Amino acid sequence: FFFFHDTAPHEIYPLSLPDPLPIHWAVLRQRVKRLLTSSLSLKKAQQLQLEYASIQAWEKLQRQLLDCLSKKISFPKCLDQTIQLFNQTFGAEQVWVQDAKNQKLLSVETLQHRPEAETVLALLEELMPISNQIVYYSDTLMGSDSNKKEYSKVGQSIAEELNIPALLMAPIFSPQKFWGWLMISGQADQVYDELIAQRCLDMAQWIAIALA
């Protein structure tokens, strides 16, 4: 004969784990440092990639403009063909060219007159163009150079009239005359550096050659 004895079920207790050992502050600092280094390296790589793309676009833009000049392609059509390169080179959202002779403000993408043109042209008349003078404006940061400050108020008025957050302007000069302004608008957080400013001046010189 076999006798079975019912026993009460065993009580189940949660598994008790030892408290985690405290992380030494030096180890924690190293972990944080590695994370920051990894993040900064990624940002730096992305920045270098953007700079490289900008350099390539700038070189290609110059070649295409030279090709347009050699083929005697009309200036508006030439700009219309190169707008994507303008965007890549200058981080531009829009590009305008003010024709001082005919008092026109043209948007390169559409080559259409804008309703704000008359007001903007009046503001541009307040600027005394200098052949090597760049006009800066940015919602994020105003230029620190004294010459930039001199033009900032008019630049701000033009930017507000066109409803753009950042503006870079270069006068279009030839030895004989002043042709107008090259105006490039950027993103809200964009601050133009000296390299981009110099490229804008160079591009204005190319446009002067095309208009001459």
Protein backbone atom coordinates (compact mmCIF):
# COMPACT_ATOMS: atom_id res chain seq x y z
CA PHE A 1 0.00 0.00 0.00
CA PHE A 2 1.14 3.46 -0.78
CA PHE A 3 0.08 6.39 1.27
CA PHE A 4 0.24 9.94 -0.12
CA HIS A 5 0.54 12.79 2.27
CA ASP A 6 -0.74 16.16 1.11
CA THR A 7 1.69 18.89 1.95
CA ALA A 8 1.08 22.59 1.88
CA PRO A 9 2.54 24.34 -1.15
CA HIS A 10 5.82 26.06 -0.59
CA GLU A 11 5.62 29.80 -0.34
CA ILE A 12 7.39 31.63 -3.17
CA TYR A 13 9.61 34.49 -2.21
CA PRO A 14 10.91 37.08 -4.68
CA LEU A 15 14.48 36.63 -5.70
CA SER A 16 16.64 38.92 -3.72
CA LEU A 17 19.44 40.58 -5.69
CA PRO A 18 22.37 42.30 -4.14
CA ASP A 19 22.48 46.07 -4.40
CA PRO A 20 24.42 47.19 -7.48
CA LEU A 21 27.90 48.35 -6.76
CA PRO A 22 28.25 52.11 -7.02
CA ILE A 23 29.96 53.29 -10.21
CA HIS A 24 33.12 55.16 -9.46
CA TRP A 25 32.90 58.76 -10.64
CA ALA A 26 35.97 58.36 -12.86
CA VAL A 27 34.38 55.40 -14.66
CA LEU A 28 31.15 57.34 -15.12
CA ARG A 29 33.08 60.30 -16.47
CA GLN A 30 34.82 58.06 -19.00
CA ARG A 31 31.48 56.67 -20.17
CA VAL A 32 30.04 60.14 -20.60
CA LYS A 33 33.20 61.26 -22.38
CA ARG A 34 32.97 58.35 -24.83
CA LEU A 35 29.33 59.18 -25.57
CA LEU A 36 30.13 62.85 -26.13
CA THR A 37 33.13 62.01 -28.29
CA SER A 38 31.03 59.71 -30.42
CA SER A 39 28.33 62.36 -30.81
CA LEU A 40 30.84 65.12 -31.62
CA SER A 41 32.63 62.90 -34.13
CA LEU A 42 29.34 62.25 -35.91
CA LYS A 43 28.52 65.96 -36.01
CA LYS A 44 32.02 66.77 -37.25
CA ALA A 45 31.76 64.14 -39.98
CA GLN A 46 28.39 65.53 -41.06
CA GLN A 47 29.80 69.07 -41.09
CA LEU A 48 32.80 68.01 -43.18
CA GLN A 49 30.46 66.26 -45.60
CA LEU A 50 28.39 69.43 -46.00
CA GLU A 51 31.53 71.53 -46.50
CA TYR A 52 32.83 69.13 -49.14
CA ALA A 53 29.49 69.21 -50.97
CA SER A 54 29.54 73.02 -50.81
CA ILE A 55 33.05 73.15 -52.33
CA GLN A 56 32.03 70.81 -55.14
CA ALA A 57 28.88 72.86 -55.83
CA TRP A 58 30.88 76.10 -55.85
CA GLU A 59 33.38 74.76 -58.38
CA LYS A 60 30.61 73.38 -60.56
CA LEU A 61 28.66 76.65 -60.33
CA GLN A 62 31.67 78.61 -61.61
CA ARG A 63 32.19 76.17 -64.49
CA GLN A 64 28.53 76.37 -65.52
CA LEU A 65 28.50 80.17 -65.39
CA LEU A 66 31.66 80.26 -67.50
CA ASP A 67 30.00 77.90 -69.96
CA CYS A 68 26.92 80.14 -70.09
CA LEU A 69 29.10 83.18 -70.77
CA SER A 70 31.01 81.43 -73.53
CA LYS A 71 27.74 80.34 -75.17
CA LYS A 72 26.21 83.81 -74.66
CA ILE A 73 23.20 82.37 -72.85
CA SER A 74 20.91 85.06 -71.44
CA PHE A 75 21.60 86.04 -67.86
CA PRO A 76 18.16 85.10 -66.41
CA LYS A 77 18.24 81.71 -68.14
CA CYS A 78 21.78 81.09 -66.91
CA LEU A 79 20.77 81.77 -63.31
CA ASP A 80 17.68 79.64 -63.69
CA GLN A 81 19.84 76.71 -64.81
CA THR A 82 22.18 77.02 -61.84
CA ILE A 83 19.73 77.62 -58.98
CA GLN A 84 20.35 74.21 -57.39
CA LEU A 85 24.08 74.93 -57.28
CA PHE A 86 23.33 78.29 -55.69
CA ASN A 87 21.35 76.49 -53.02
CA GLN A 88 24.14 73.98 -52.34
CA THR A 89 26.92 76.58 -52.34
CA PHE A 90 25.27 79.17 -50.15
CA GLY A 91 22.72 77.13 -48.23
CA ALA A 92 20.19 79.36 -49.93
CA GLU A 93 16.45 79.01 -49.78
CA GLN A 94 15.89 81.78 -52.33
CA VAL A 95 18.03 83.96 -54.56
CA TRP A 96 17.15 87.40 -55.88
CA VAL A 97 18.89 89.73 -58.28
CA GLN A 98 18.08 93.42 -58.26
CA ASP A 99 18.53 95.07 -61.64
CA ALA A 100 19.36 98.69 -60.85
CA LYS A 101 19.02 99.80 -64.47
CA ASN A 102 15.48 98.52 -65.01
CA GLN A 103 14.50 98.71 -61.33
CA LYS A 104 13.44 95.07 -61.18
CA LEU A 105 13.64 92.58 -58.36
CA LEU A 106 13.77 89.07 -59.78
CA SER A 107 13.46 85.79 -57.96
CA VAL A 108 15.77 83.36 -59.72
CA GLU A 109 13.44 80.39 -59.29
CA THR A 110 10.49 82.02 -61.01
CA LEU A 111 11.94 85.19 -62.55
CA GLN A 112 8.69 86.89 -61.56
CA HIS A 113 8.22 90.28 -59.99
CA ARG A 114 7.33 90.18 -56.31
CA PRO A 115 4.67 92.44 -54.75
CA GLU A 116 7.27 93.63 -52.24
CA ALA A 117 9.63 94.75 -55.00
CA GLU A 118 8.85 98.49 -54.87
CA THR A 119 9.42 98.71 -51.12
CA VAL A 120 12.61 96.66 -51.30
CA LEU A 121 13.97 98.72 -54.19
CA ALA A 122 13.33 101.88 -52.19
CA LEU A 123 15.26 100.39 -49.26
CA LEU A 124 18.11 99.40 -51.56
CA GLU A 125 18.45 103.01 -52.66
CA GLU A 126 19.44 103.83 -49.07
CA LEU A 127 22.50 101.61 -49.41
CA MET A 128 25.57 103.29 -50.83
CA PRO A 129 27.10 100.37 -52.73
CA ILE A 130 30.80 99.71 -52.26
CA SER A 131 32.48 97.23 -54.56
CA ASN A 132 33.75 94.98 -51.77
CA GLN A 133 30.96 95.52 -49.24
CA ILE A 134 28.79 92.64 -48.06
CA VAL A 135 25.47 93.25 -46.31
CA TYR A 136 24.65 90.76 -43.55
CA TYR A 137 21.47 90.12 -41.64
CA SER A 138 20.46 87.17 -39.48
CA ASP A 139 17.77 86.67 -36.85
CA THR A 140 20.21 84.46 -34.97
CA LEU A 141 23.32 86.60 -34.87
CA MET A 142 24.24 89.97 -36.25
CA GLY A 143 27.70 90.52 -37.69
CA SER A 144 30.27 91.89 -35.26
CA ASP A 145 32.24 93.88 -37.84
CA SER A 146 31.59 97.63 -37.74
CA ASN A 147 30.89 97.77 -41.48
CA LYS A 148 28.31 95.04 -41.10
CA LYS A 149 26.60 96.98 -38.30
CA GLU A 150 26.41 100.03 -40.53
CA TYR A 151 24.23 98.11 -42.97
CA SER A 152 22.35 95.91 -40.51
CA LYS A 153 19.29 98.14 -40.11
CA VAL A 154 18.61 98.37 -43.83
CA GLY A 155 19.41 94.67 -44.20
CA GLN A 156 16.93 93.92 -41.45
CA SER A 157 14.24 96.05 -43.12
CA ILE A 158 14.77 94.27 -46.44
CA ALA A 159 14.72 90.85 -44.76
CA GLU A 160 11.50 91.71 -42.94
CA GLU A 161 9.89 93.03 -46.12
CA LEU A 162 10.77 89.80 -47.95
CA ASN A 163 9.84 87.75 -44.85
CA ILE A 164 13.18 85.94 -44.68
CA PRO A 165 15.21 85.15 -41.53
CA ALA A 166 18.74 85.52 -42.92
CA LEU A 167 20.07 87.66 -45.75
CA LEU A 168 23.38 88.02 -47.55
CA MET A 169 23.82 90.74 -50.18
CA ALA A 170 26.67 91.63 -52.52
CA PRO A 171 26.79 94.59 -54.92
CA ILE A 172 27.10 93.75 -58.61
CA PHE A 173 29.87 96.02 -59.94
CA SER A 174 31.83 96.37 -63.12
CA PRO A 175 34.54 99.01 -63.68
CA GLN A 176 32.03 101.12 -65.58
CA LYS A 177 28.89 100.92 -63.46
CA PHE A 178 26.86 99.54 -60.60
CA TRP A 179 24.40 96.93 -61.87
CA GLY A 180 22.45 96.02 -58.74
CA TRP A 181 22.52 93.53 -55.88
CA LEU A 182 22.78 89.78 -55.52
CA MET A 183 20.59 88.78 -52.57
CA ILE A 184 20.62 85.33 -50.99
CA SER A 185 18.24 84.27 -48.24
CA GLY A 186 19.02 81.50 -45.78
CA GLN A 187 17.51 79.51 -42.96
CA ALA A 188 16.54 80.92 -39.58
CA ASP A 189 19.65 79.66 -37.77
CA GLN A 190 22.08 80.51 -40.56
CA VAL A 191 25.02 82.80 -39.88
CA TYR A 192 27.20 83.53 -42.89
CA ASP A 193 30.94 83.07 -42.45
CA GLU A 194 33.71 84.89 -44.29
CA LEU A 195 34.15 82.12 -46.86
CA ILE A 196 30.51 82.25 -47.93
CA ALA A 197 30.64 86.06 -47.97
CA GLN A 198 33.67 86.00 -50.26
CA ARG A 199 31.96 83.53 -52.58
CA CYS A 200 28.95 85.83 -52.71
CA LEU A 201 31.23 88.72 -53.74
CA ASP A 202 32.89 86.52 -56.35
CA MET A 203 29.51 85.47 -57.70
CA ALA A 204 28.42 89.11 -57.93
CA GLN A 205 31.51 89.75 -60.07
CA TRP A 206 30.54 86.84 -62.34
CA ILE A 207 27.06 88.34 -62.70
CA ALA A 208 28.57 91.75 -63.55
CA ILE A 209 30.54 90.11 -66.35
CA ALA A 210 27.37 88.41 -67.59
CA LEU A 211 25.46 91.69 -67.57
CA ALA A 212 28.20 93.78 -69.20
